[in-house]
């Protein structure tokens, strides 16, 4: 398989379910404006998943009414490595190095292995 840069990966194929800001807000018990602030502050990441769709948040970023534990710190780390939101989402949903996707490890409370992997990234 040839290497496809994170920015060019098909997010619609990688991410099984997306939420618009209103749906994400309802699950988190906040307003859509707060979701927008959370995206800006790298607590969540958003991307346009398909042509014509507005910005959306991967549904897997929310678990039991909260942002998945460790996600915001990981997003900050990835942004420090100069990733944009789209690249962060692609990295989290790609099964390259870990046993499984990084988002699955976070959801299963195995965030330390994901963080270690992200700390050594070069971009």
N, C-alpha and C. Protein backbone atom coordinates (compact mmCIF):
# COMPACT_ATOMS: atom_id res chain seq x y z
N UNK A 1 0.84 -1.18 0.00
CA UNK A 1 0.00 0.00 0.00
C UNK A 1 0.88 1.24 0.00
N UNK A 2 0.58 2.19 -0.84
CA UNK A 2 1.38 3.41 -0.89
C UNK A 2 0.95 4.36 0.23
N UNK A 3 1.88 5.21 0.62
CA UNK A 3 1.63 6.15 1.70
C UNK A 3 0.70 7.26 1.23
N UNK A 4 -0.34 7.52 2.01
CA UNK A 4 -1.25 8.62 1.73
C UNK A 4 -1.11 9.61 2.89
N UNK A 5 -0.72 10.85 2.60
CA UNK A 5 -0.59 11.83 3.68
C UNK A 5 -1.89 11.95 4.48
N UNK A 6 -1.75 12.22 5.77
CA UNK A 6 -2.93 12.34 6.63
C UNK A 6 -3.94 13.33 6.06
N UNK A 7 -3.46 14.45 5.56
CA UNK A 7 -4.35 15.50 5.05
C UNK A 7 -5.18 15.03 3.87
N UNK A 8 -4.70 14.00 3.16
CA UNK A 8 -5.39 13.52 1.96
C UNK A 8 -6.23 12.27 2.19
N UNK A 9 -6.26 11.77 3.41
CA UNK A 9 -7.03 10.55 3.68
C UNK A 9 -8.52 10.83 3.63
N UNK A 10 -9.27 9.84 3.21
CA UNK A 10 -10.72 9.95 3.07
C UNK A 10 -11.37 9.79 4.45
N UNK A 11 -11.70 10.93 5.06
CA UNK A 11 -12.27 10.88 6.41
C UNK A 11 -13.62 10.20 6.44
N UNK A 12 -14.38 10.31 5.37
CA UNK A 12 -15.70 9.66 5.33
C UNK A 12 -15.53 8.14 5.42
N UNK A 13 -14.43 7.62 4.88
CA UNK A 13 -14.18 6.18 4.95
C UNK A 13 -13.57 5.78 6.30
N UNK A 14 -12.81 6.66 6.91
CA UNK A 14 -12.15 6.34 8.17
C UNK A 14 -13.08 6.43 9.38
N UNK A 15 -13.93 7.45 9.39
CA UNK A 15 -14.78 7.74 10.55
C UNK A 15 -16.19 7.21 10.29
N UNK A 16 -16.65 6.25 11.10
CA UNK A 16 -17.95 5.63 10.82
C UNK A 16 -19.16 6.53 11.08
N UNK A 17 -19.06 7.46 12.02
CA UNK A 17 -20.23 8.29 12.35
C UNK A 17 -19.78 9.69 12.72
N UNK A 18 -20.51 10.67 12.18
CA UNK A 18 -20.21 12.08 12.41
C UNK A 18 -21.39 12.75 13.10
N UNK A 19 -21.10 13.80 13.85
CA UNK A 19 -22.13 14.61 14.50
C UNK A 19 -21.97 16.06 14.08
N UNK A 20 -23.11 16.71 13.75
CA UNK A 20 -22.99 18.15 13.54
C UNK A 20 -22.89 18.80 14.92
N UNK A 21 -22.65 20.09 14.96
CA UNK A 21 -22.41 20.75 16.24
C UNK A 21 -23.63 20.66 17.16
N UNK A 22 -24.82 20.70 16.60
CA UNK A 22 -26.04 20.59 17.43
C UNK A 22 -26.14 19.21 18.07
N UNK A 23 -25.84 18.17 17.30
CA UNK A 23 -25.88 16.80 17.83
C UNK A 23 -24.81 16.61 18.91
N UNK A 24 -23.61 17.10 18.64
CA UNK A 24 -22.53 16.99 19.63
C UNK A 24 -22.91 17.75 20.90
N UNK A 25 -23.48 18.93 20.73
CA UNK A 25 -23.89 19.74 21.88
C UNK A 25 -24.92 19.01 22.72
N UNK A 26 -25.89 18.37 22.06
CA UNK A 26 -26.93 17.64 22.79
C UNK A 26 -26.32 16.49 23.60
N UNK A 27 -25.38 15.77 23.02
CA UNK A 27 -24.74 14.65 23.74
C UNK A 27 -23.89 15.13 24.92
N UNK A 28 -23.29 16.31 24.77
CA UNK A 28 -22.42 16.85 25.82
C UNK A 28 -23.18 17.70 26.84
N UNK A 29 -24.44 18.03 26.52
CA UNK A 29 -25.21 18.88 27.42
C UNK A 29 -24.75 20.32 27.42
N UNK A 30 -24.29 20.79 26.26
CA UNK A 30 -23.83 22.18 26.12
C UNK A 30 -24.51 22.79 24.90
N UNK A 31 -24.20 24.04 24.61
CA UNK A 31 -24.76 24.70 23.43
C UNK A 31 -23.87 24.45 22.21
N UNK A 32 -24.43 24.59 21.00
CA UNK A 32 -23.58 24.48 19.81
C UNK A 32 -22.43 25.50 19.83
N UNK A 33 -22.66 26.67 20.40
CA UNK A 33 -21.58 27.67 20.50
C UNK A 33 -20.44 27.14 21.37
N UNK A 34 -20.77 26.42 22.43
CA UNK A 34 -19.75 25.83 23.30
C UNK A 34 -18.96 24.76 22.54
N UNK A 35 -19.63 23.99 21.70
CA UNK A 35 -18.93 22.99 20.88
C UNK A 35 -17.93 23.70 19.97
N UNK A 36 -18.36 24.81 19.38
CA UNK A 36 -17.47 25.59 18.51
C UNK A 36 -16.25 26.06 19.31
N UNK A 37 -16.47 26.52 20.54
CA UNK A 37 -15.37 26.95 21.41
C UNK A 37 -14.46 25.77 21.74
N UNK A 38 -15.05 24.62 22.01
CA UNK A 38 -14.26 23.42 22.32
C UNK A 38 -13.38 23.03 21.13
N UNK A 39 -13.90 23.19 19.92
CA UNK A 39 -13.10 22.91 18.72
C UNK A 39 -11.95 23.91 18.63
N UNK A 40 -12.26 25.18 18.84
CA UNK A 40 -11.24 26.22 18.76
C UNK A 40 -10.13 26.00 19.80
N UNK A 41 -10.52 25.52 20.98
CA UNK A 41 -9.57 25.29 22.07
C UNK A 41 -8.92 23.91 22.02
N UNK A 42 -9.15 23.17 20.96
CA UNK A 42 -8.59 21.83 20.74
C UNK A 42 -9.06 20.80 21.77
N UNK A 43 -10.23 21.02 22.36
CA UNK A 43 -10.82 19.98 23.21
C UNK A 43 -11.52 18.95 22.32
N UNK A 44 -11.96 19.38 21.16
CA UNK A 44 -12.55 18.54 20.11
C UNK A 44 -11.90 18.93 18.79
N UNK A 45 -12.05 18.10 17.79
CA UNK A 45 -11.58 18.42 16.44
C UNK A 45 -12.75 18.25 15.48
N UNK A 46 -12.77 19.07 14.44
CA UNK A 46 -13.84 18.97 13.45
C UNK A 46 -13.25 18.97 12.06
N UNK A 47 -14.04 18.47 11.14
CA UNK A 47 -13.65 18.49 9.73
C UNK A 47 -14.90 18.39 8.88
N UNK A 48 -14.77 18.77 7.63
CA UNK A 48 -15.83 18.56 6.66
C UNK A 48 -15.61 17.15 6.13
N UNK A 49 -16.54 16.26 6.45
CA UNK A 49 -16.34 14.83 6.15
C UNK A 49 -16.63 14.46 4.71
N UNK A 50 -17.44 15.25 4.05
CA UNK A 50 -17.80 14.97 2.67
C UNK A 50 -18.17 16.28 1.98
N UNK A 51 -17.99 16.36 0.67
CA UNK A 51 -18.34 17.59 -0.04
C UNK A 51 -19.80 17.98 0.24
N UNK A 52 -19.99 19.24 0.55
CA UNK A 52 -21.34 19.73 0.82
C UNK A 52 -21.77 19.61 2.27
N UNK A 53 -21.05 18.81 3.04
CA UNK A 53 -21.37 18.68 4.47
C UNK A 53 -20.70 19.83 5.21
N UNK A 54 -21.31 20.26 6.28
CA UNK A 54 -20.69 21.27 7.12
C UNK A 54 -19.67 20.63 8.03
N UNK A 55 -19.03 21.45 8.86
CA UNK A 55 -18.07 20.89 9.80
C UNK A 55 -18.76 19.94 10.78
N UNK A 56 -18.12 18.83 11.05
CA UNK A 56 -18.68 17.82 11.94
C UNK A 56 -17.60 17.28 12.86
N UNK A 57 -18.06 16.66 13.94
CA UNK A 57 -17.18 16.07 14.94
C UNK A 57 -17.38 14.55 14.88
N UNK A 58 -16.31 13.77 14.91
CA UNK A 58 -16.50 12.31 14.96
C UNK A 58 -17.28 11.90 16.22
N UNK A 59 -18.29 11.07 16.06
CA UNK A 59 -19.12 10.64 17.18
C UNK A 59 -18.29 9.91 18.24
N UNK A 60 -17.22 9.22 17.82
CA UNK A 60 -16.38 8.48 18.76
C UNK A 60 -15.62 9.40 19.72
N UNK A 61 -15.62 10.70 19.49
CA UNK A 61 -14.96 11.64 20.40
C UNK A 61 -15.77 11.85 21.68
N UNK A 62 -17.03 11.41 21.68
CA UNK A 62 -17.90 11.61 22.84
C UNK A 62 -18.30 10.24 23.37
N UNK A 63 -18.18 10.08 24.69
CA UNK A 63 -18.49 8.81 25.33
C UNK A 63 -19.17 9.10 26.67
N UNK A 64 -20.34 8.53 26.88
CA UNK A 64 -21.08 8.70 28.13
C UNK A 64 -21.30 10.17 28.48
N UNK A 65 -21.59 10.99 27.48
CA UNK A 65 -21.91 12.40 27.71
C UNK A 65 -20.71 13.30 27.94
N UNK A 66 -19.51 12.77 27.74
CA UNK A 66 -18.29 13.55 27.96
C UNK A 66 -17.35 13.37 26.77
N UNK A 67 -16.42 14.33 26.63
CA UNK A 67 -15.35 14.15 25.65
C UNK A 67 -14.50 12.98 26.15
N UNK A 68 -14.10 12.10 25.26
CA UNK A 68 -13.30 10.93 25.62
C UNK A 68 -12.07 11.38 26.42
N UNK A 69 -11.83 10.69 27.52
CA UNK A 69 -10.71 11.01 28.41
C UNK A 69 -9.40 10.98 27.63
N UNK A 70 -8.62 12.03 27.78
CA UNK A 70 -7.32 12.12 27.14
C UNK A 70 -7.33 12.72 25.75
N UNK A 71 -8.53 12.89 25.16
CA UNK A 71 -8.58 13.40 23.78
C UNK A 71 -8.04 14.82 23.68
N UNK A 72 -8.47 15.70 24.57
CA UNK A 72 -8.06 17.10 24.42
C UNK A 72 -6.54 17.24 24.58
N UNK A 73 -5.94 16.53 25.52
CA UNK A 73 -4.48 16.59 25.67
C UNK A 73 -3.77 16.06 24.44
N UNK A 74 -4.31 14.99 23.87
CA UNK A 74 -3.73 14.42 22.66
C UNK A 74 -3.87 15.38 21.48
N UNK A 75 -5.03 16.03 21.36
CA UNK A 75 -5.21 16.99 20.27
C UNK A 75 -4.23 18.15 20.41
N UNK A 76 -4.00 18.62 21.64
CA UNK A 76 -3.02 19.69 21.87
C UNK A 76 -1.63 19.23 21.42
N UNK A 77 -1.27 18.01 21.78
CA UNK A 77 0.02 17.45 21.41
C UNK A 77 0.17 17.37 19.89
N UNK A 78 -0.87 16.88 19.22
CA UNK A 78 -0.83 16.78 17.76
C UNK A 78 -0.75 18.17 17.12
N UNK A 79 -1.49 19.13 17.66
CA UNK A 79 -1.40 20.50 17.13
C UNK A 79 -0.01 21.08 17.36
N UNK A 80 0.63 20.73 18.47
CA UNK A 80 2.02 21.15 18.70
C UNK A 80 2.95 20.58 17.64
N UNK A 81 2.59 19.43 17.08
CA UNK A 81 3.36 18.82 15.99
C UNK A 81 2.92 19.37 14.63
N UNK A 82 2.14 20.44 14.67
CA UNK A 82 1.68 21.16 13.46
C UNK A 82 0.61 20.41 12.67
N UNK A 83 -0.12 19.52 13.32
CA UNK A 83 -1.25 18.87 12.67
C UNK A 83 -2.43 19.84 12.68
N UNK A 84 -3.24 19.81 11.63
CA UNK A 84 -4.51 20.54 11.68
C UNK A 84 -5.59 19.55 12.13
N UNK A 85 -6.82 20.03 12.32
CA UNK A 85 -7.88 19.15 12.82
C UNK A 85 -8.10 17.94 11.91
N UNK A 86 -8.08 18.17 10.62
CA UNK A 86 -8.31 17.07 9.67
C UNK A 86 -7.24 15.98 9.83
N UNK A 87 -5.99 16.40 9.97
CA UNK A 87 -4.89 15.44 10.15
C UNK A 87 -4.99 14.73 11.50
N UNK A 88 -5.40 15.47 12.53
CA UNK A 88 -5.60 14.85 13.85
C UNK A 88 -6.64 13.74 13.76
N UNK A 89 -7.75 14.03 13.11
CA UNK A 89 -8.82 13.04 12.98
C UNK A 89 -8.33 11.83 12.19
N UNK A 90 -7.65 12.09 11.07
CA UNK A 90 -7.13 10.98 10.26
C UNK A 90 -6.18 10.12 11.08
N UNK A 91 -5.29 10.74 11.86
CA UNK A 91 -4.33 9.97 12.66
C UNK A 91 -5.07 9.13 13.71
N UNK A 92 -6.06 9.73 14.35
CA UNK A 92 -6.79 9.02 15.41
C UNK A 92 -7.59 7.83 14.88
N UNK A 93 -8.00 7.88 13.63
CA UNK A 93 -8.85 6.83 13.07
C UNK A 93 -8.11 5.90 12.11
N UNK A 94 -6.77 6.00 12.06
CA UNK A 94 -5.98 5.15 11.19
C UNK A 94 -5.26 4.10 12.02
N UNK A 95 -5.32 2.87 11.59
CA UNK A 95 -4.70 1.75 12.29
C UNK A 95 -3.33 1.49 11.67
N UNK A 96 -2.35 2.34 12.01
CA UNK A 96 -1.01 2.18 11.44
C UNK A 96 -0.05 1.46 12.37
N UNK A 97 0.06 1.93 13.60
CA UNK A 97 1.10 1.43 14.49
C UNK A 97 0.56 0.69 15.72
N UNK A 98 -0.47 1.21 16.30
CA UNK A 98 -1.01 0.60 17.52
C UNK A 98 -1.79 -0.66 17.19
N UNK A 99 -2.02 -1.50 18.16
CA UNK A 99 -3.00 -2.57 17.93
C UNK A 99 -4.38 -1.92 17.94
N UNK A 100 -4.89 -1.62 16.76
CA UNK A 100 -6.16 -0.90 16.65
C UNK A 100 -5.93 0.58 16.44
N UNK A 101 -7.02 1.30 16.30
CA UNK A 101 -6.95 2.74 16.05
C UNK A 101 -6.68 3.48 17.36
N UNK A 102 -5.96 4.59 17.30
CA UNK A 102 -5.73 5.38 18.51
C UNK A 102 -7.03 5.79 19.22
N UNK A 103 -8.08 6.12 18.48
CA UNK A 103 -9.33 6.53 19.13
C UNK A 103 -9.90 5.38 19.95
N UNK A 104 -9.75 4.15 19.48
CA UNK A 104 -10.24 3.00 20.24
C UNK A 104 -9.46 2.83 21.54
N UNK A 105 -8.14 3.04 21.47
CA UNK A 105 -7.31 2.94 22.67
C UNK A 105 -7.73 3.99 23.69
N UNK A 106 -8.00 5.21 23.23
CA UNK A 106 -8.46 6.26 24.15
C UNK A 106 -9.79 5.87 24.79
N UNK A 107 -10.71 5.38 23.99
CA UNK A 107 -12.04 5.01 24.50
C UNK A 107 -11.96 3.84 25.48
N UNK A 108 -10.91 3.03 25.36
CA UNK A 108 -10.73 1.89 26.26
C UNK A 108 -9.79 2.22 27.41
N UNK A 109 -9.53 3.52 27.62
CA UNK A 109 -8.69 4.01 28.71
C UNK A 109 -7.26 3.50 28.60
N UNK A 110 -6.76 3.41 27.36
CA UNK A 110 -5.37 3.05 27.11
C UNK A 110 -4.66 4.23 26.48
N UNK A 111 -4.89 5.42 27.05
CA UNK A 111 -4.38 6.65 26.46
C UNK A 111 -2.88 6.82 26.53
N UNK A 112 -2.23 6.22 27.50
CA UNK A 112 -0.78 6.42 27.64
C UNK A 112 -0.03 5.89 26.43
N UNK A 113 -0.44 4.76 25.88
CA UNK A 113 0.26 4.23 24.70
C UNK A 113 0.03 5.12 23.49
N UNK A 114 -1.16 5.72 23.40
CA UNK A 114 -1.46 6.63 22.29
C UNK A 114 -0.60 7.89 22.42
N UNK A 115 -0.53 8.42 23.63
CA UNK A 115 0.25 9.64 23.86
C UNK A 115 1.73 9.40 23.56
N UNK A 116 2.26 8.25 23.99
CA UNK A 116 3.67 7.93 23.69
C UNK A 116 3.90 7.90 22.18
N UNK A 117 2.97 7.30 21.45
CA UNK A 117 3.10 7.21 20.00
C UNK A 117 3.05 8.61 19.37
N UNK A 118 2.18 9.46 19.88
CA UNK A 118 2.04 10.82 19.33
C UNK A 118 3.27 11.68 19.65
N UNK A 119 3.90 11.46 20.80
CA UNK A 119 5.04 12.27 21.19
C UNK A 119 6.23 12.10 20.26
N UNK A 120 6.33 10.97 19.58
CA UNK A 120 7.48 10.73 18.71
C UNK A 120 7.17 11.00 17.23
N UNK A 121 5.99 11.50 16.96
CA UNK A 121 5.62 11.80 15.57
C UNK A 121 6.49 12.90 15.01
N UNK A 122 6.79 12.78 13.75
CA UNK A 122 7.42 13.86 13.03
C UNK A 122 6.54 14.19 11.86
N UNK A 123 6.34 15.46 11.67
CA UNK A 123 5.47 15.87 10.57
C UNK A 123 6.06 17.04 9.85
